[in-house]
Amino acid sequence: MVSHNMTWVKYPSKSQDPSTNLLDIIASQDIISRFMHGYIGLFVPAGLLAGVIILTIFIKSSVQRTLGKLDVLLFAYAASNIAMVLFSFTVITRPAYLQVSYLECGVLSFFFNFTYFHSQYLLVTMALSFLLQRRPPKNAMISKAHQNPVAGVGCALVRAFCAALIVVALLGVQSYHEKTDCQLDPLFAWPEYEIVKFTFGFALPSLSQLLCWGLSFIRKAQEDALPSSRPYWTVLIITTTTFVCRLFYNVMILSRTSLKMQRSIGTPQNELTMNIAEILLFGESCVSLVIILCFHEPCRNGLLNIMTNLTKVCRRSHAGGRPLEMAGTRTGASPVPSENGSSR
């Protein structure tokens, strides 16, 4: 491993290395800026709007006590993705970086990682729930957790909290109050930070999901029944989307780790691909929220009800405005008396 003194690490665009081509930096920053504006302008409004509608529908279902097991897990997953979208506002300064103290950057990194791990572990919980749907486990504790989705959400929260503490402990912050360029996965972190995050935040959860989905398909194939329920496919689509986007992001994180171990700051192209991967990660949260809203039946039905109610309100207001308009027309068409008393 390299020395834990990471003060030498800088972004290629911020370094004064004479070997770095200025035109490459300008071109890289221009592309980063375009990606950032596209994400903020298109994905963020769609994701936040979908998230607010999902939370409203689930809260209403909770009040009416009609919230199912999968609904509870998707409720928590949607809340985690909304938090991810809110954290994504840190990219609004790109191609520049957020200027905060090392301590503030560490706090931001902790809560971001907590949300990141929680959403990943919730997907594992959902995959496990589908696997145990027809064959409940014999273990009493696992069976109780399977029947109580709130317990599953709680377990995911505890695991995410512990994992976030571990990775933040590997940031290696020395001067807490000095200002630095901050990303949610800080550049000044030790190489172990990225390795541990890849292991506990992507590799192990992805293998667990793959195992659960594989066993679930095998069981259904043995029963000669293909998975046809819409919730099944909704979660599978979300899982696939998340895997693809986070695979690219984690590959870039490991690439950054290899550069640190070689004591190299990389090139503007490395910085460009890392920024694109980060924006793609946040875009996946927005896409997942839209998928839940469009494919999960209770959310889709709730959205249709909202649109129907809005249509009725618009029709009523339009119908209510017609008599006033007609009355005004009749008043304007009445004969006006002339000065000598005769009508014109």
Protein backbone atom coordinates (compact mmCIF):
# COMPACT_ATOMS: atom_id res chain seq x y z
CA MET A 1 0.00 0.00 0.00
CA VAL A 2 1.04 3.61 -0.50
CA SER A 3 1.76 6.00 2.34
CA HIS A 4 -1.32 7.32 4.15
CA ASN A 5 -0.17 10.88 3.56
CA MET A 6 -2.52 11.88 0.73
CA THR A 7 -1.75 15.61 0.64
CA TRP A 8 -0.02 15.17 -2.74
CA VAL A 9 -3.25 14.03 -4.46
CA LYS A 10 -4.80 16.73 -6.67
CA TYR A 11 -7.24 16.88 -9.55
CA PRO A 12 -5.45 17.09 -12.93
CA SER A 13 -7.39 20.28 -13.71
CA LYS A 14 -6.12 21.82 -10.44
CA SER A 15 -2.54 20.66 -10.68
CA GLN A 16 0.27 22.75 -12.07
CA ASP A 17 1.91 19.83 -13.81
CA PRO A 18 3.59 21.16 -16.99
CA SER A 19 2.94 17.84 -18.76
CA THR A 20 -0.83 18.41 -18.55
CA ASN A 21 -2.23 19.87 -21.77
CA LEU A 22 -4.33 22.99 -21.16
CA LEU A 23 -6.55 22.24 -24.17
CA ASP A 24 -7.34 18.79 -22.73
CA ILE A 25 -8.42 20.41 -19.47
CA ILE A 26 -10.67 22.90 -21.27
CA ALA A 27 -12.27 20.19 -23.42
CA SER A 28 -12.77 17.94 -20.38
CA GLN A 29 -14.38 20.71 -18.32
CA ASP A 30 -16.68 21.63 -21.20
CA ILE A 31 -17.99 18.04 -21.43
CA ILE A 32 -18.41 17.82 -17.64
CA SER A 33 -20.39 21.07 -17.66
CA ARG A 34 -22.71 19.80 -20.41
CA PHE A 35 -23.36 16.54 -18.53
CA MET A 36 -24.06 18.45 -15.34
CA HIS A 37 -26.54 20.83 -16.99
CA GLY A 38 -28.30 17.95 -18.73
CA TYR A 39 -28.62 16.07 -15.45
CA ILE A 40 -29.84 19.08 -13.42
CA GLY A 41 -32.25 20.16 -16.15
CA LEU A 42 -33.80 16.78 -17.05
CA PHE A 43 -33.17 14.06 -14.48
CA VAL A 44 -33.45 15.99 -11.22
CA PRO A 45 -36.96 17.48 -11.84
CA ALA A 46 -38.28 14.11 -13.09
CA GLY A 47 -36.73 12.22 -10.18
CA LEU A 48 -37.88 14.61 -7.46
CA LEU A 49 -41.41 14.86 -8.87
CA ALA A 50 -41.69 11.07 -9.10
CA GLY A 51 -40.26 10.73 -5.58
CA VAL A 52 -42.73 13.18 -4.04
CA ILE A 53 -45.66 11.42 -5.73
CA ILE A 54 -44.41 8.00 -4.57
CA LEU A 55 -44.03 9.16 -0.96
CA THR A 56 -47.47 10.79 -1.03
CA ILE A 57 -49.10 7.59 -2.34
CA PHE A 58 -47.29 5.36 0.17
CA ILE A 59 -48.04 7.67 3.12
CA LYS A 60 -51.72 7.70 2.14
CA SER A 61 -51.68 3.89 1.89
CA SER A 62 -50.01 3.70 5.30
CA VAL A 63 -52.73 5.86 6.86
CA GLN A 64 -55.37 3.63 5.26
CA ARG A 65 -53.42 0.51 6.42
CA THR A 66 -53.23 -0.87 2.89
CA LEU A 67 -49.41 -0.88 2.66
CA GLY A 68 -48.05 -4.28 1.58
CA LYS A 69 -44.68 -5.88 2.40
CA LEU A 70 -43.06 -4.85 -0.86
CA ASP A 71 -44.58 -1.37 -0.54
CA VAL A 72 -42.73 -0.83 2.75
CA LEU A 73 -39.40 -1.81 1.17
CA LEU A 74 -40.03 0.33 -1.91
CA PHE A 75 -41.08 3.22 0.36
CA ALA A 76 -37.70 3.07 2.12
CA TYR A 77 -35.89 2.60 -1.19
CA ALA A 78 -37.64 5.63 -2.70
CA ALA A 79 -36.71 7.74 0.34
CA SER A 80 -33.05 6.68 -0.06
CA ASN A 81 -33.09 7.60 -3.75
CA ILE A 82 -34.62 11.00 -3.02
CA ALA A 83 -31.77 11.59 -0.56
CA MET A 84 -29.29 10.56 -3.27
CA VAL A 85 -30.85 13.09 -5.65
CA LEU A 86 -30.54 15.81 -2.98
CA PHE A 87 -26.87 14.92 -2.45
CA SER A 88 -26.38 15.26 -6.21
CA PHE A 89 -26.78 19.03 -5.92
CA THR A 90 -23.11 19.03 -4.92
CA VAL A 91 -22.27 18.59 -8.63
CA ILE A 92 -23.93 21.91 -9.51
CA THR A 93 -20.54 23.64 -9.23
CA ARG A 94 -18.92 21.42 -11.88
CA PRO A 95 -16.48 21.60 -13.55
CA ALA A 96 -15.31 23.27 -10.31
CA TYR A 97 -15.63 21.42 -7.00
CA LEU A 98 -17.38 22.20 -3.74
CA GLN A 99 -15.06 24.21 -1.47
CA VAL A 100 -15.54 23.11 2.16
CA SER A 101 -13.38 22.06 5.09
CA TYR A 102 -12.07 18.52 5.41
CA LEU A 103 -14.43 17.96 8.35
CA GLU A 104 -17.50 19.13 6.41
CA CYS A 105 -16.47 16.99 3.44
CA GLY A 106 -16.15 13.99 5.75
CA VAL A 107 -19.65 14.58 7.18
CA LEU A 108 -21.10 14.87 3.67
CA SER A 109 -19.30 11.68 2.68
CA PHE A 110 -20.69 9.80 5.70
CA PHE A 111 -24.33 10.64 4.99
CA PHE A 112 -23.88 10.02 1.25
CA ASN A 113 -22.34 6.60 1.91
CA PHE A 114 -25.05 5.79 4.43
CA THR A 115 -27.71 6.47 1.78
CA TYR A 116 -25.69 4.63 -0.89
CA PHE A 117 -25.27 1.49 1.24
CA HIS A 118 -28.87 1.59 2.47
CA SER A 119 -30.35 1.60 -1.04
CA GLN A 120 -28.05 -1.27 -2.06
CA TYR A 121 -28.92 -3.38 0.98
CA LEU A 122 -32.64 -2.75 0.44
CA LEU A 123 -32.33 -4.27 -3.02
CA VAL A 124 -30.75 -7.35 -1.42
CA THR A 125 -33.65 -7.49 1.07
CA MET A 126 -36.20 -7.32 -1.77
CA ALA A 127 -34.44 -10.06 -3.74
CA LEU A 128 -34.34 -12.24 -0.62
CA SER A 129 -38.03 -11.54 -0.01
CA PHE A 130 -38.94 -12.86 -3.47
CA LEU A 131 -36.75 -15.92 -2.92
CA LEU A 132 -38.48 -16.78 0.38
CA GLN A 133 -41.96 -15.90 -0.87
CA ARG A 134 -43.14 -19.46 -1.54
CA ARG A 135 -40.79 -21.34 0.77
CA PRO A 136 -40.58 -19.53 4.13
CA PRO A 137 -37.35 -20.14 6.05
CA LYS A 138 -37.30 -22.62 8.94
CA ASN A 139 -35.16 -20.33 11.10
CA ALA A 140 -37.50 -18.42 13.44
CA MET A 141 -35.51 -15.17 13.38
CA ILE A 142 -35.20 -15.07 9.58
CA SER A 143 -38.86 -16.03 9.24
CA LYS A 144 -39.92 -13.19 11.54
CA ALA A 145 -37.76 -10.68 9.64
CA HIS A 146 -39.22 -11.95 6.36
CA GLN A 147 -42.80 -11.51 7.59
CA ASN A 148 -42.09 -8.06 9.03
CA PRO A 149 -40.73 -5.74 6.30
CA VAL A 150 -40.05 -2.98 8.85
CA ALA A 151 -37.50 -5.33 10.45
CA GLY A 152 -35.88 -5.78 7.03
CA VAL A 153 -35.63 -2.00 6.60
CA GLY A 154 -34.17 -1.71 10.09
CA CYS A 155 -31.53 -4.36 9.38
CA ALA A 156 -30.56 -2.55 6.18
CA LEU A 157 -30.27 0.73 8.14
CA VAL A 158 -27.97 -0.83 10.76
CA ARG A 159 -25.74 -2.46 8.14
CA ALA A 160 -25.58 0.76 6.12
CA PHE A 161 -24.67 2.78 9.22
CA CYS A 162 -21.85 0.41 10.14
CA ALA A 163 -20.50 0.30 6.58
CA ALA A 164 -20.60 4.11 6.30
CA LEU A 165 -18.66 4.44 9.59
CA ILE A 166 -15.99 2.02 8.34
CA VAL A 167 -15.40 3.81 5.02
CA VAL A 168 -15.41 7.30 6.57
CA ALA A 169 -12.81 6.12 9.09
CA LEU A 170 -10.57 5.49 6.07
CA LEU A 171 -10.69 9.08 4.83
CA GLY A 172 -7.46 9.87 6.65
CA VAL A 173 -8.36 13.48 7.46
CA GLN A 174 -5.54 15.32 9.22
CA SER A 175 -6.28 19.07 9.05
CA TYR A 176 -10.00 19.22 9.80
CA HIS A 177 -10.52 22.94 9.30
CA GLU A 178 -8.52 23.52 6.11
CA LYS A 179 -10.46 24.05 2.90
CA THR A 180 -10.40 21.42 0.16
CA ASP A 181 -12.04 20.45 -3.14
CA CYS A 182 -14.77 18.04 -2.07
CA GLN A 183 -16.50 15.19 -3.84
CA LEU A 184 -18.91 12.88 -2.02
CA ASP A 185 -16.27 10.17 -2.47
CA PRO A 186 -13.32 12.42 -1.58
CA LEU A 187 -10.18 12.33 -3.66
CA PHE A 188 -8.00 12.63 -0.53
CA ALA A 189 -9.31 9.31 0.87
CA TRP A 190 -6.90 6.43 1.41
CA PRO A 191 -6.85 3.70 -1.24
CA GLU A 192 -8.42 1.37 1.35
CA TYR A 193 -11.51 3.61 1.30
CA GLU A 194 -12.30 2.76 -2.30
CA ILE A 195 -11.47 -0.93 -1.87
CA VAL A 196 -13.74 -1.31 1.18
CA LYS A 197 -16.53 0.67 -0.49
CA PHE A 198 -16.32 -1.50 -3.59
CA THR A 199 -16.39 -4.67 -1.48
CA PHE A 200 -19.24 -3.81 0.90
CA GLY A 201 -21.13 -1.41 -1.35
CA PHE A 202 -21.09 -3.24 -4.65
CA ALA A 203 -19.35 -6.63 -4.88
CA LEU A 204 -20.98 -8.45 -1.95
CA PRO A 205 -24.49 -6.95 -2.43
CA SER A 206 -24.39 -7.68 -6.17
CA LEU A 207 -23.31 -11.28 -5.59
CA SER A 208 -26.08 -11.68 -2.99
CA GLN A 209 -28.68 -10.31 -5.40
CA LEU A 210 -27.41 -12.50 -8.22
CA LEU A 211 -27.63 -15.56 -5.98
CA CYS A 212 -31.16 -14.71 -4.78
CA TRP A 213 -32.48 -13.97 -8.26
CA GLY A 214 -30.82 -17.06 -9.70
CA LEU A 215 -32.30 -19.36 -7.04
CA SER A 216 -35.67 -17.66 -7.43
CA PHE A 217 -35.71 -18.30 -11.19
CA ILE A 218 -34.58 -21.91 -10.68
CA ARG A 219 -37.37 -22.55 -8.17
CA LYS A 220 -40.00 -21.05 -10.43
CA ALA A 221 -38.66 -23.04 -13.39
CA GLN A 222 -38.95 -26.25 -11.35
CA GLU A 223 -42.54 -25.33 -10.57
CA ASP A 224 -43.16 -24.70 -14.30
CA ALA A 225 -44.28 -21.18 -13.50
CA LEU A 226 -42.47 -18.23 -14.99
CA PRO A 227 -42.47 -15.07 -12.87
CA SER A 228 -45.40 -13.09 -14.23
CA SER A 229 -46.25 -10.77 -11.34
CA ARG A 230 -45.59 -7.10 -12.05
CA PRO A 231 -43.85 -6.40 -8.68
CA TYR A 232 -41.34 -9.14 -9.52
CA TRP A 233 -40.38 -7.49 -12.81
CA THR A 234 -40.44 -3.99 -11.31
CA VAL A 235 -37.79 -4.88 -8.72
CA LEU A 236 -35.78 -6.83 -11.31
CA ILE A 237 -35.71 -3.82 -13.68
CA ILE A 238 -34.60 -1.53 -10.83
CA THR A 239 -31.92 -4.03 -9.79
CA THR A 240 -30.58 -4.30 -13.36
CA THR A 241 -30.50 -0.51 -13.83
CA THR A 242 -28.74 -0.02 -10.51
CA PHE A 243 -26.19 -2.74 -11.26
CA VAL A 244 -25.22 -1.28 -14.65
CA CYS A 245 -24.82 2.30 -13.40
CA ARG A 246 -23.02 1.35 -10.19
CA LEU A 247 -20.74 -1.07 -12.01
CA PHE A 248 -19.37 1.79 -14.13
CA TYR A 249 -19.02 4.01 -11.05
CA ASN A 250 -17.19 1.36 -9.03
CA VAL A 251 -14.86 0.54 -11.91
CA MET A 252 -13.90 4.22 -12.01
CA ILE A 253 -13.38 4.24 -8.23
CA LEU A 254 -11.00 1.29 -8.50
CA SER A 255 -9.26 3.01 -11.40
CA ARG A 256 -8.71 6.03 -9.17
CA THR A 257 -7.33 3.71 -6.48
CA SER A 258 -4.78 2.23 -8.89
CA LEU A 259 -3.60 5.74 -9.78
CA LYS A 260 -3.11 6.55 -6.09
CA MET A 261 -1.10 3.37 -5.58
CA GLN A 262 1.11 4.42 -8.50
CA ARG A 263 1.39 7.93 -6.96
CA SER A 264 -0.11 9.44 -10.10
CA ILE A 265 -2.73 12.19 -10.31
CA GLY A 266 -3.95 10.87 -13.67
CA THR A 267 -5.00 12.82 -16.72
CA PRO A 268 -7.90 15.17 -17.54
CA GLN A 269 -9.53 12.20 -19.28
CA ASN A 270 -9.47 10.25 -15.98
CA GLU A 271 -11.09 13.19 -14.23
CA LEU A 272 -13.70 13.44 -16.99
CA THR A 273 -14.75 9.78 -16.81
CA MET A 274 -14.91 9.92 -12.98
CA ASN A 275 -17.25 12.91 -13.14
CA ILE A 276 -19.42 11.26 -15.80
CA ALA A 277 -19.62 8.11 -13.65
CA GLU A 278 -20.69 10.19 -10.63
CA ILE A 279 -23.43 11.97 -12.59
CA LEU A 280 -24.55 8.62 -14.02
CA LEU A 281 -24.79 7.26 -10.46
CA PHE A 282 -27.12 10.09 -9.48
CA GLY A 283 -29.07 9.71 -12.72
CA GLU A 284 -29.74 6.08 -11.78
CA SER A 285 -31.51 7.25 -8.61
CA CYS A 286 -33.82 9.47 -10.67
CA VAL A 287 -34.51 6.68 -13.18
CA SER A 288 -35.29 4.21 -10.37
CA LEU A 289 -37.89 6.59 -8.92
CA VAL A 290 -39.56 6.96 -12.32
CA ILE A 291 -39.55 3.16 -12.75
CA ILE A 292 -41.27 2.67 -9.38
CA LEU A 293 -43.89 5.27 -10.24
CA CYS A 294 -44.62 3.84 -13.69
CA PHE A 295 -44.33 0.08 -13.06
CA HIS A 296 -45.32 -0.55 -9.44
CA GLU A 297 -49.09 -1.03 -9.56
CA PRO A 298 -50.14 0.90 -6.40
CA CYS A 299 -48.00 3.87 -7.48
CA ARG A 300 -49.25 3.74 -11.06
CA ASN A 301 -52.87 3.58 -9.90
CA GLY A 302 -52.24 6.44 -7.48
CA LEU A 303 -50.72 8.52 -10.28
CA LEU A 304 -53.75 7.83 -12.50
CA ASN A 305 -56.06 8.87 -9.65
CA ILE A 306 -54.12 12.11 -9.18
CA MET A 307 -54.33 12.87 -12.91
CA THR A 308 -58.07 12.05 -12.94
CA ASN A 309 -58.72 14.34 -9.97
CA LEU A 310 -56.71 17.15 -11.55
CA THR A 311 -58.70 16.73 -14.78
CA LYS A 312 -61.98 16.96 -12.84
CA VAL A 313 -60.84 20.10 -11.02
CA CYS A 314 -59.81 21.72 -14.31
CA ARG A 315 -63.17 20.84 -15.87
CA ARG A 316 -65.10 22.22 -12.90
CA SER A 317 -63.15 25.48 -12.93
CA HIS A 318 -63.64 25.74 -16.69
CA ALA A 319 -67.36 25.00 -16.40
CA GLY A 320 -67.68 27.47 -13.51
CA GLY A 321 -66.11 30.23 -15.61
CA ARG A 322 -68.53 29.80 -18.53
CA PRO A 323 -71.71 31.35 -16.91
CA LEU A 324 -69.74 34.45 -15.91
CA GLU A 325 -68.39 34.75 -19.43
CA MET A 326 -71.89 34.31 -20.95
CA ALA A 327 -73.38 36.82 -18.51
CA GLY A 328 -70.73 39.33 -19.43
CA THR A 329 -71.47 38.75 -23.13
CA ARG A 330 -75.18 39.34 -22.63
CA THR A 331 -74.54 42.52 -20.66
CA GLY A 332 -72.32 43.80 -23.41
CA ALA A 333 -74.97 43.03 -26.06
CA SER A 334 -77.83 44.94 -24.29
CA PRO A 335 -79.04 48.12 -26.01
CA VAL A 336 -77.48 51.34 -24.75
CA PRO A 337 -79.88 54.29 -24.39
CA SER A 338 -78.98 57.49 -26.22
CA GLU A 339 -78.87 60.94 -24.67
CA ASN A 340 -82.51 61.75 -25.73
CA GLY A 341 -83.72 58.44 -24.12
CA SER A 342 -84.09 56.31 -27.26
CA SER A 343 -82.08 53.12 -27.62
CA ARG A 344 -79.42 52.76 -30.28
